[in-house]
Amino acid sequence: MTNEQLARHLRILRQHCETVAARCKAVEYAVMKGEMFGIPISESKIHRQVRDIENRITAAAALIGVRHGRPSKQEGEV
């Protein structure tokens, strides 16, 4: 890998990380604000945002060569 390719690779990875961090802060703030001020929070909206964050983390991991496999269900788990 050339220095230029490595720099591009690292820049993309950094952008993924910055996006994940910003999304986490936004979701955390929304939940905290809801708890503090009694604002109803759509649970499905929060779960959707968390899934998006997880997908971005998985994409960043795949970028550096980490393969993500869902753990298989153990006997007795639902």
PDB file of N, CA and C in Angstrom:
ATOM      1  N   MET A   1       0.854  -1.172   0.000  1.00  0.00           N
ATOM      2  CA  MET A   1       0.000   0.000   0.000  1.00  0.00           C
ATOM      3  C   MET A   1       0.903   1.239   0.000  1.00  0.00           C
ATOM      4  N   THR A   2       0.654   2.134  -0.912  1.00  0.00           N
ATOM      5  CA  THR A   2       1.459   3.356  -0.980  1.00  0.00           C
ATOM      6  C   THR A   2       1.044   4.318   0.128  1.00  0.00           C
ATOM      7  N   ASN A   3       1.876   5.310   0.344  1.00  0.00           N
ATOM      8  CA  ASN A   3       1.560   6.318   1.369  1.00  0.00           C
ATOM      9  C   ASN A   3       0.258   7.043   1.042  1.00  0.00           C
ATOM     10  N   GLU A   4       0.034   7.311  -0.233  1.00  0.00           N
ATOM     11  CA  GLU A   4      -1.195   7.993  -0.651  1.00  0.00           C
ATOM     12  C   GLU A   4      -2.432   7.129  -0.369  1.00  0.00           C
ATOM     13  N   GLN A   5      -2.318   5.834  -0.663  1.00  0.00           N
ATOM     14  CA  GLN A   5      -3.440   4.924  -0.395  1.00  0.00           C
ATOM     15  C   GLN A   5      -3.686   4.795   1.104  1.00  0.00           C
ATOM     16  N   LEU A   6      -2.611   4.712   1.873  1.00  0.00           N
ATOM     17  CA  LEU A   6      -2.745   4.613   3.326  1.00  0.00           C
ATOM     18  C   LEU A   6      -3.391   5.868   3.893  1.00  0.00           C
ATOM     19  N   ALA A   7      -2.982   7.031   3.411  1.00  0.00           N
ATOM     20  CA  ALA A   7      -3.561   8.294   3.882  1.00  0.00           C
ATOM     21  C   ALA A   7      -5.052   8.350   3.563  1.00  0.00           C
ATOM     22  N   ARG A   8      -5.429   7.929   2.377  1.00  0.00           N
ATOM     23  CA  ARG A   8      -6.847   7.917   1.985  1.00  0.00           C
ATOM     24  C   ARG A   8      -7.636   6.950   2.874  1.00  0.00           C
ATOM     25  N   HIS A   9      -7.050   5.778   3.094  1.00  0.00           N
ATOM     26  CA  HIS A   9      -7.671   4.754   3.928  1.00  0.00           C
ATOM     27  C   HIS A   9      -7.903   5.287   5.343  1.00  0.00           C
ATOM     28  N   LEU A  10      -6.903   5.923   5.900  1.00  0.00           N
ATOM     29  CA  LEU A  10      -7.020   6.474   7.254  1.00  0.00           C
ATOM     30  C   LEU A  10      -8.014   7.623   7.309  1.00  0.00           C
ATOM     31  N   ARG A  11      -8.056   8.437   6.276  1.00  0.00           N
ATOM     32  CA  ARG A  11      -9.013   9.551   6.236  1.00  0.00           C
ATOM     33  C   ARG A  11     -10.443   9.029   6.241  1.00  0.00           C
ATOM     34  N   ILE A  12     -10.708   8.004   5.453  1.00  0.00           N
ATOM     35  CA  ILE A  12     -12.057   7.418   5.402  1.00  0.00           C
ATOM     36  C   ILE A  12     -12.413   6.808   6.754  1.00  0.00           C
ATOM     37  N   LEU A  13     -11.466   6.104   7.353  1.00  0.00           N
ATOM     38  CA  LEU A  13     -11.714   5.494   8.664  1.00  0.00           C
ATOM     39  C   LEU A  13     -11.981   6.564   9.717  1.00  0.00           C
ATOM     40  N   ARG A  14     -11.214   7.658   9.685  1.00  0.00           N
ATOM     41  CA  ARG A  14     -11.428   8.762  10.629  1.00  0.00           C
ATOM     42  C   ARG A  14     -12.814   9.366  10.454  1.00  0.00           C
ATOM     43  N   GLN A  15     -13.244   9.522   9.204  1.00  0.00           N
ATOM     44  CA  GLN A  15     -14.567  10.083   8.941  1.00  0.00           C
ATOM     45  C   GLN A  15     -15.666   9.180   9.488  1.00  0.00           C
ATOM     46  N   HIS A  16     -15.500   7.868   9.342  1.00  0.00           N
ATOM     47  CA  HIS A  16     -16.470   6.932   9.921  1.00  0.00           C
ATOM     48  C   HIS A  16     -16.531   7.116  11.437  1.00  0.00           C
ATOM     49  N   CYS A  17     -15.369   7.208  12.060  1.00  0.00           N
ATOM     50  CA  CYS A  17     -15.312   7.341  13.517  1.00  0.00           C
ATOM     51  C   CYS A  17     -15.927   8.651  13.991  1.00  0.00           C
ATOM     52  N   GLU A  18     -15.652   9.737  13.282  1.00  0.00           N
ATOM     53  CA  GLU A  18     -16.223  11.025  13.658  1.00  0.00           C
ATOM     54  C   GLU A  18     -17.739  11.015  13.516  1.00  0.00           C
ATOM     55  N   THR A  19     -18.226  10.386  12.472  1.00  0.00           N
ATOM     56  CA  THR A  19     -19.673  10.292  12.269  1.00  0.00           C
ATOM     57  C   THR A  19     -20.318   9.485  13.382  1.00  0.00           C
ATOM     58  N   VAL A  20     -19.700   8.355  13.742  1.00  0.00           N
ATOM     59  CA  VAL A  20     -20.231   7.516  14.823  1.00  0.00           C
ATOM     60  C   VAL A  20     -20.246   8.299  16.128  1.00  0.00           C
ATOM     61  N   ALA A  21     -19.170   9.004  16.436  1.00  0.00           N
ATOM     62  CA  ALA A  21     -19.105   9.772  17.676  1.00  0.00           C
ATOM     63  C   ALA A  21     -20.184  10.852  17.714  1.00  0.00           C
ATOM     64  N   ALA A  22     -20.369  11.550  16.603  1.00  0.00           N
ATOM     65  CA  ALA A  22     -21.393  12.601  16.547  1.00  0.00           C
ATOM     66  C   ALA A  22     -22.791  12.014  16.696  1.00  0.00           C
ATOM     67  N   ARG A  23     -23.044  10.889  16.044  1.00  0.00           N
ATOM     68  CA  ARG A  23     -24.366  10.255  16.154  1.00  0.00           C
ATOM     69  C   ARG A  23     -24.634   9.773  17.572  1.00  0.00           C
ATOM     70  N   CYS A  24     -23.610   9.206  18.218  1.00  0.00           N
ATOM     71  CA  CYS A  24     -23.762   8.748  19.601  1.00  0.00           C
ATOM     72  C   CYS A  24     -24.096   9.918  20.527  1.00  0.00           C
ATOM     73  N   LYS A  25     -23.400  11.035  20.361  1.00  0.00           N
ATOM     74  CA  LYS A  25     -23.668  12.214  21.181  1.00  0.00           C
ATOM     75  C   LYS A  25     -25.085  12.717  20.968  1.00  0.00           C
ATOM     76  N   ALA A  26     -25.543  12.721  19.719  1.00  0.00           N
ATOM     77  CA  ALA A  26     -26.889  13.206  19.408  1.00  0.00           C
ATOM     78  C   ALA A  26     -27.959  12.324  20.041  1.00  0.00           C
ATOM     79  N   VAL A  27     -27.783  11.021  19.953  1.00  0.00           N
ATOM     80  CA  VAL A  27     -28.765  10.100  20.540  1.00  0.00           C
ATOM     81  C   VAL A  27     -28.733  10.212  22.057  1.00  0.00           C
ATOM     82  N   GLU A  28     -27.533  10.268  22.628  1.00  0.00           N
ATOM     83  CA  GLU A  28     -27.400  10.413  24.076  1.00  0.00           C
ATOM     84  C   GLU A  28     -28.069  11.702  24.557  1.00  0.00           C
ATOM     85  N   TYR A  29     -27.861  12.801  23.833  1.00  0.00           N
ATOM     86  CA  TYR A  29     -28.467  14.080  24.191  1.00  0.00           C
ATOM     87  C   TYR A  29     -29.987  13.999  24.128  1.00  0.00           C
ATOM     88  N   ALA A  30     -30.521  13.357  23.095  1.00  0.00           N
ATOM     89  CA  ALA A  30     -31.978  13.236  22.950  1.00  0.00           C
ATOM     90  C   ALA A  30     -32.568  12.437  24.101  1.00  0.00           C
ATOM     91  N   VAL A  31     -31.911  11.366  24.489  1.00  0.00           N
ATOM     92  CA  VAL A  31     -32.407  10.543  25.596  1.00  0.00           C
ATOM     93  C   VAL A  31     -32.310  11.312  26.912  1.00  0.00           C
ATOM     94  N   MET A  32     -31.174  11.978  27.119  1.00  0.00           N
ATOM     95  CA  MET A  32     -30.974  12.751  28.343  1.00  0.00           C
ATOM     96  C   MET A  32     -31.993  13.888  28.442  1.00  0.00           C
ATOM     97  N   LYS A  33     -32.223  14.567  27.330  1.00  0.00           N
ATOM     98  CA  LYS A  33     -33.182  15.672  27.300  1.00  0.00           C
ATOM     99  C   LYS A  33     -34.589  15.160  27.615  1.00  0.00           C
ATOM    100  N   GLY A  34     -34.920  14.019  27.056  1.00  0.00           N
ATOM    101  CA  GLY A  34     -36.224  13.420  27.327  1.00  0.00           C
ATOM    102  C   GLY A  34     -36.404  13.081  28.790  1.00  0.00           C
ATOM    103  N   GLU A  35     -35.356  12.542  29.412  1.00  0.00           N
ATOM    104  CA  GLU A  35     -35.431  12.193  30.832  1.00  0.00           C
ATOM    105  C   GLU A  35     -35.522  13.441  31.708  1.00  0.00           C
ATOM    106  N   MET A  36     -34.740  14.462  31.361  1.00  0.00           N
ATOM    107  CA  MET A  36     -34.703  15.663  32.190  1.00  0.00           C
ATOM    108  C   MET A  36     -35.992  16.464  32.123  1.00  0.00           C
ATOM    109  N   PHE A  37     -36.556  16.604  30.935  1.00  0.00           N
ATOM    110  CA  PHE A  37     -37.708  17.470  30.744  1.00  0.00           C
ATOM    111  C   PHE A  37     -39.013  16.716  30.555  1.00  0.00           C
ATOM    112  N   GLY A  38     -38.968  15.407  30.662  1.00  0.00           N
ATOM    113  CA  GLY A  38     -40.184  14.615  30.524  1.00  0.00           C
ATOM    114  C   GLY A  38     -40.737  14.605  29.114  1.00  0.00           C
ATOM    115  N   ILE A  39     -39.871  14.818  28.134  1.00  0.00           N
ATOM    116  CA  ILE A  39     -40.306  14.795  26.736  1.00  0.00           C
ATOM    117  C   ILE A  39     -40.408  13.341  26.294  1.00  0.00           C
ATOM    118  N   PRO A  40     -41.553  12.967  25.747  1.00  0.00           N
ATOM    119  CA  PRO A  40     -41.674  11.573  25.287  1.00  0.00           C
ATOM    120  C   PRO A  40     -40.714  11.301  24.122  1.00  0.00           C
ATOM    121  N   ILE A  41     -40.050  10.162  24.193  1.00  0.00           N
ATOM    122  CA  ILE A  41     -39.088   9.766  23.173  1.00  0.00           C
ATOM    123  C   ILE A  41     -39.621   8.530  22.464  1.00  0.00           C
ATOM    124  N   SER A  42     -39.626   8.593  21.158  1.00  0.00           N
ATOM    125  CA  SER A  42     -40.053   7.442  20.372  1.00  0.00           C
ATOM    126  C   SER A  42     -38.988   6.351  20.485  1.00  0.00           C
ATOM    127  N   GLU A  43     -39.359   5.262  21.138  1.00  0.00           N
ATOM    128  CA  GLU A  43     -38.405   4.175  21.334  1.00  0.00           C
ATOM    129  C   GLU A  43     -37.947   3.588  19.997  1.00  0.00           C
ATOM    130  N   SER A  44     -38.858   3.508  19.040  1.00  0.00           N
ATOM    131  CA  SER A  44     -38.490   2.953  17.736  1.00  0.00           C
ATOM    132  C   SER A  44     -37.485   3.862  17.019  1.00  0.00           C
ATOM    133  N   LYS A  45     -37.635   5.169  17.205  1.00  0.00           N
ATOM    134  CA  LYS A  45     -36.705   6.120  16.586  1.00  0.00           C
ATOM    135  C   LYS A  45     -35.303   5.951  17.176  1.00  0.00           C
ATOM    136  N   ILE A  46     -35.220   5.807  18.486  1.00  0.00           N
ATOM    137  CA  ILE A  46     -33.936   5.611  19.153  1.00  0.00           C
ATOM    138  C   ILE A  46     -33.302   4.301  18.692  1.00  0.00           C
ATOM    139  N   HIS A  47     -34.089   3.224  18.636  1.00  0.00           N
ATOM    140  CA  HIS A  47     -33.562   1.934  18.186  1.00  0.00           C
ATOM    141  C   HIS A  47     -33.075   2.006  16.740  1.00  0.00           C
ATOM    142  N   ARG A  48     -33.797   2.730  15.907  1.00  0.00           N
ATOM    143  CA  ARG A  48     -33.397   2.889  14.507  1.00  0.00           C
ATOM    144  C   ARG A  48     -32.064   3.632  14.419  1.00  0.00           C
ATOM    145  N   GLN A  49     -31.902   4.662  15.236  1.00  0.00           N
ATOM    146  CA  GLN A  49     -30.655   5.423  15.240  1.00  0.00           C
ATOM    147  C   GLN A  49     -29.487   4.588  15.773  1.00  0.00           C
ATOM    148  N   VAL A  50     -29.752   3.781  16.785  1.00  0.00           N
ATOM    149  CA  VAL A  50     -28.717   2.915  17.338  1.00  0.00           C
ATOM    150  C   VAL A  50     -28.296   1.869  16.298  1.00  0.00           C
ATOM    151  N   ARG A  51     -29.258   1.297  15.572  1.00  0.00           N
ATOM    152  CA  ARG A  51     -28.929   0.337  14.511  1.00  0.00           C
ATOM    153  C   ARG A  51     -28.075   0.995  13.427  1.00  0.00           C
ATOM    154  N   ASP A  52     -28.378   2.247  13.100  1.00  0.00           N
ATOM    155  CA  ASP A  52     -27.586   2.967  12.105  1.00  0.00           C
ATOM    156  C   ASP A  52     -26.150   3.149  12.606  1.00  0.00           C
ATOM    157  N   ILE A  53     -25.995   3.476  13.867  1.00  0.00           N
ATOM    158  CA  ILE A  53     -24.660   3.622  14.460  1.00  0.00           C
ATOM    159  C   ILE A  53     -23.920   2.284  14.399  1.00  0.00           C
ATOM    160  N   GLU A  54     -24.600   1.203  14.754  1.00  0.00           N
ATOM    161  CA  GLU A  54     -23.981  -0.119  14.699  1.00  0.00           C
ATOM    162  C   GLU A  54     -23.550  -0.465  13.282  1.00  0.00           C
ATOM    163  N   ASN A  55     -24.381  -0.122  12.297  1.00  0.00           N
ATOM    164  CA  ASN A  55     -24.031  -0.397  10.901  1.00  0.00           C
ATOM    165  C   ASN A  55     -22.799   0.394  10.478  1.00  0.00           C
ATOM    166  N   ARG A  56     -22.698   1.633  10.932  1.00  0.00           N
ATOM    167  CA  ARG A  56     -21.526   2.446  10.597  1.00  0.00           C
ATOM    168  C   ARG A  56     -20.270   1.873  11.237  1.00  0.00           C
ATOM    169  N   ILE A  57     -20.385   1.385  12.469  1.00  0.00           N
ATOM    170  CA  ILE A  57     -19.240   0.765  13.143  1.00  0.00           C
ATOM    171  C   ILE A  57     -18.824  -0.501  12.399  1.00  0.00           C
ATOM    172  N   THR A  58     -19.799  -1.288  11.976  1.00  0.00           N
ATOM    173  CA  THR A  58     -19.508  -2.502  11.211  1.00  0.00           C
ATOM    174  C   THR A  58     -18.815  -2.162   9.897  1.00  0.00           C
ATOM    175  N   ALA A  59     -19.266  -1.095   9.228  1.00  0.00           N
ATOM    176  CA  ALA A  59     -18.641  -0.670   7.973  1.00  0.00           C
ATOM    177  C   ALA A  59     -17.199  -0.237   8.208  1.00  0.00           C
ATOM    178  N   ALA A  60     -16.962   0.489   9.297  1.00  0.00           N
ATOM    179  CA  ALA A  60     -15.601   0.923   9.612  1.00  0.00           C
ATOM    180  C   ALA A  60     -14.716  -0.279   9.943  1.00  0.00           C
ATOM    181  N   ALA A  61     -15.261  -1.250  10.658  1.00  0.00           N
ATOM    182  CA  ALA A  61     -14.495  -2.453  10.989  1.00  0.00           C
ATOM    183  C   ALA A  61     -14.156  -3.245   9.721  1.00  0.00           C
ATOM    184  N   ALA A  62     -15.105  -3.350   8.810  1.00  0.00           N
ATOM    185  CA  ALA A  62     -14.856  -4.054   7.551  1.00  0.00           C
ATOM    186  C   ALA A  62     -13.783  -3.347   6.740  1.00  0.00           C
ATOM    187  N   LEU A  63     -13.733  -2.037   6.853  1.00  0.00           N
ATOM    188  CA  LEU A  63     -12.745  -1.249   6.128  1.00  0.00           C
ATOM    189  C   LEU A  63     -11.325  -1.613   6.555  1.00  0.00           C
ATOM    190  N   ILE A  64     -11.152  -1.943   7.833  1.00  0.00           N
ATOM    191  CA  ILE A  64      -9.814  -2.305   8.309  1.00  0.00           C
ATOM    192  C   ILE A  64      -9.607  -3.814   8.348  1.00  0.00           C
ATOM    193  N   GLY A  65     -10.587  -4.560   7.834  1.00  0.00           N
ATOM    194  CA  GLY A  65     -10.397  -6.001   7.695  1.00  0.00           C
ATOM    195  C   GLY A  65     -10.995  -6.855   8.789  1.00  0.00           C
ATOM    196  N   VAL A  66     -11.743  -6.266   9.688  1.00  0.00           N
ATOM    197  CA  VAL A  66     -12.396  -7.036  10.743  1.00  0.00           C
ATOM    198  C   VAL A  66     -13.731  -7.534  10.214  1.00  0.00           C
ATOM    199  N   ARG A  67     -13.956  -8.800  10.310  1.00  0.00           N
ATOM    200  CA  ARG A  67     -15.210  -9.379   9.843  1.00  0.00           C
ATOM    201  C   ARG A  67     -16.168  -9.493  11.017  1.00  0.00           C
ATOM    202  N   HIS A  68     -17.395  -9.094  10.781  1.00  0.00           N
ATOM    203  CA  HIS A  68     -18.408  -9.111  11.840  1.00  0.00           C
ATOM    204  C   HIS A  68     -19.351 -10.259  11.571  1.00  0.00           C
ATOM    205  N   GLY A  69     -19.459 -11.140  12.527  1.00  0.00           N
ATOM    206  CA  GLY A  69     -20.415 -12.232  12.426  1.00  0.00           C
ATOM    207  C   GLY A  69     -21.356 -12.169  13.598  1.00  0.00           C
ATOM    208  N   ARG A  70     -22.612 -12.275  13.299  1.00  0.00           N
ATOM    209  CA  ARG A  70     -23.590 -12.288  14.388  1.00  0.00           C
ATOM    210  C   ARG A  70     -23.377 -13.552  15.213  1.00  0.00           C
ATOM    211  N   PRO A  71     -23.359 -13.424  16.536  1.00  0.00           N
ATOM    212  CA  PRO A  71     -23.200 -14.625  17.362  1.00  0.00           C
ATOM    213  C   PRO A  71     -24.400 -15.538  17.173  1.00  0.00           C
ATOM    214  N   SER A  72     -24.114 -16.806  17.087  1.00  0.00           N
ATOM    215  CA  SER A  72     -25.231 -17.746  16.927  1.00  0.00           C
ATOM    216  C   SER A  72     -25.970 -17.867  18.243  1.00  0.00           C
ATOM    217  N   LYS A  73     -27.239 -18.148  18.134  1.00  0.00           N
ATOM    218  CA  LYS A  73     -28.057 -18.267  19.335  1.00  0.00           C
ATOM    219  C   LYS A  73     -27.698 -19.541  20.083  1.00  0.00           C
ATOM    220  N   GLN A  74     -27.491 -19.385  21.356  1.00  0.00           N
ATOM    221  CA  GLN A  74     -27.189 -20.525  22.213  1.00  0.00           C
ATOM    222  C   GLN A  74     -28.491 -21.270  22.481  1.00  0.00           C
ATOM    223  N   GLU A  75     -28.344 -22.486  22.891  1.00  0.00           N
ATOM    224  CA  GLU A  75     -29.511 -23.290  23.211  1.00  0.00           C
ATOM    225  C   GLU A  75     -30.264 -22.648  24.370  1.00  0.00           C
ATOM    226  N   GLY A  76     -31.564 -22.459  24.206  1.00  0.00           N
ATOM    227  CA  GLY A  76     -32.375 -21.877  25.257  1.00  0.00           C
ATOM    228  C   GLY A  76     -32.585 -20.378  25.105  1.00  0.00           C
ATOM    229  N   GLU A  77     -31.847 -19.725  24.189  1.00  0.00           N
ATOM    230  CA  GLU A  77     -32.030 -18.291  23.958  1.00  0.00           C
ATOM    231  C   GLU A  77     -33.175 -18.074  22.997  1.00  0.00           C
ATOM    232  N   VAL A  78     -33.776 -16.930  23.138  1.00  0.00           N
ATOM    233  CA  VAL A  78     -34.897 -16.574  22.259  1.00  0.00           C
ATOM    234  C   VAL A  78     -34.410 -15.758  21.097  1.00  0.00           C
TER     235      VAL A  78
END
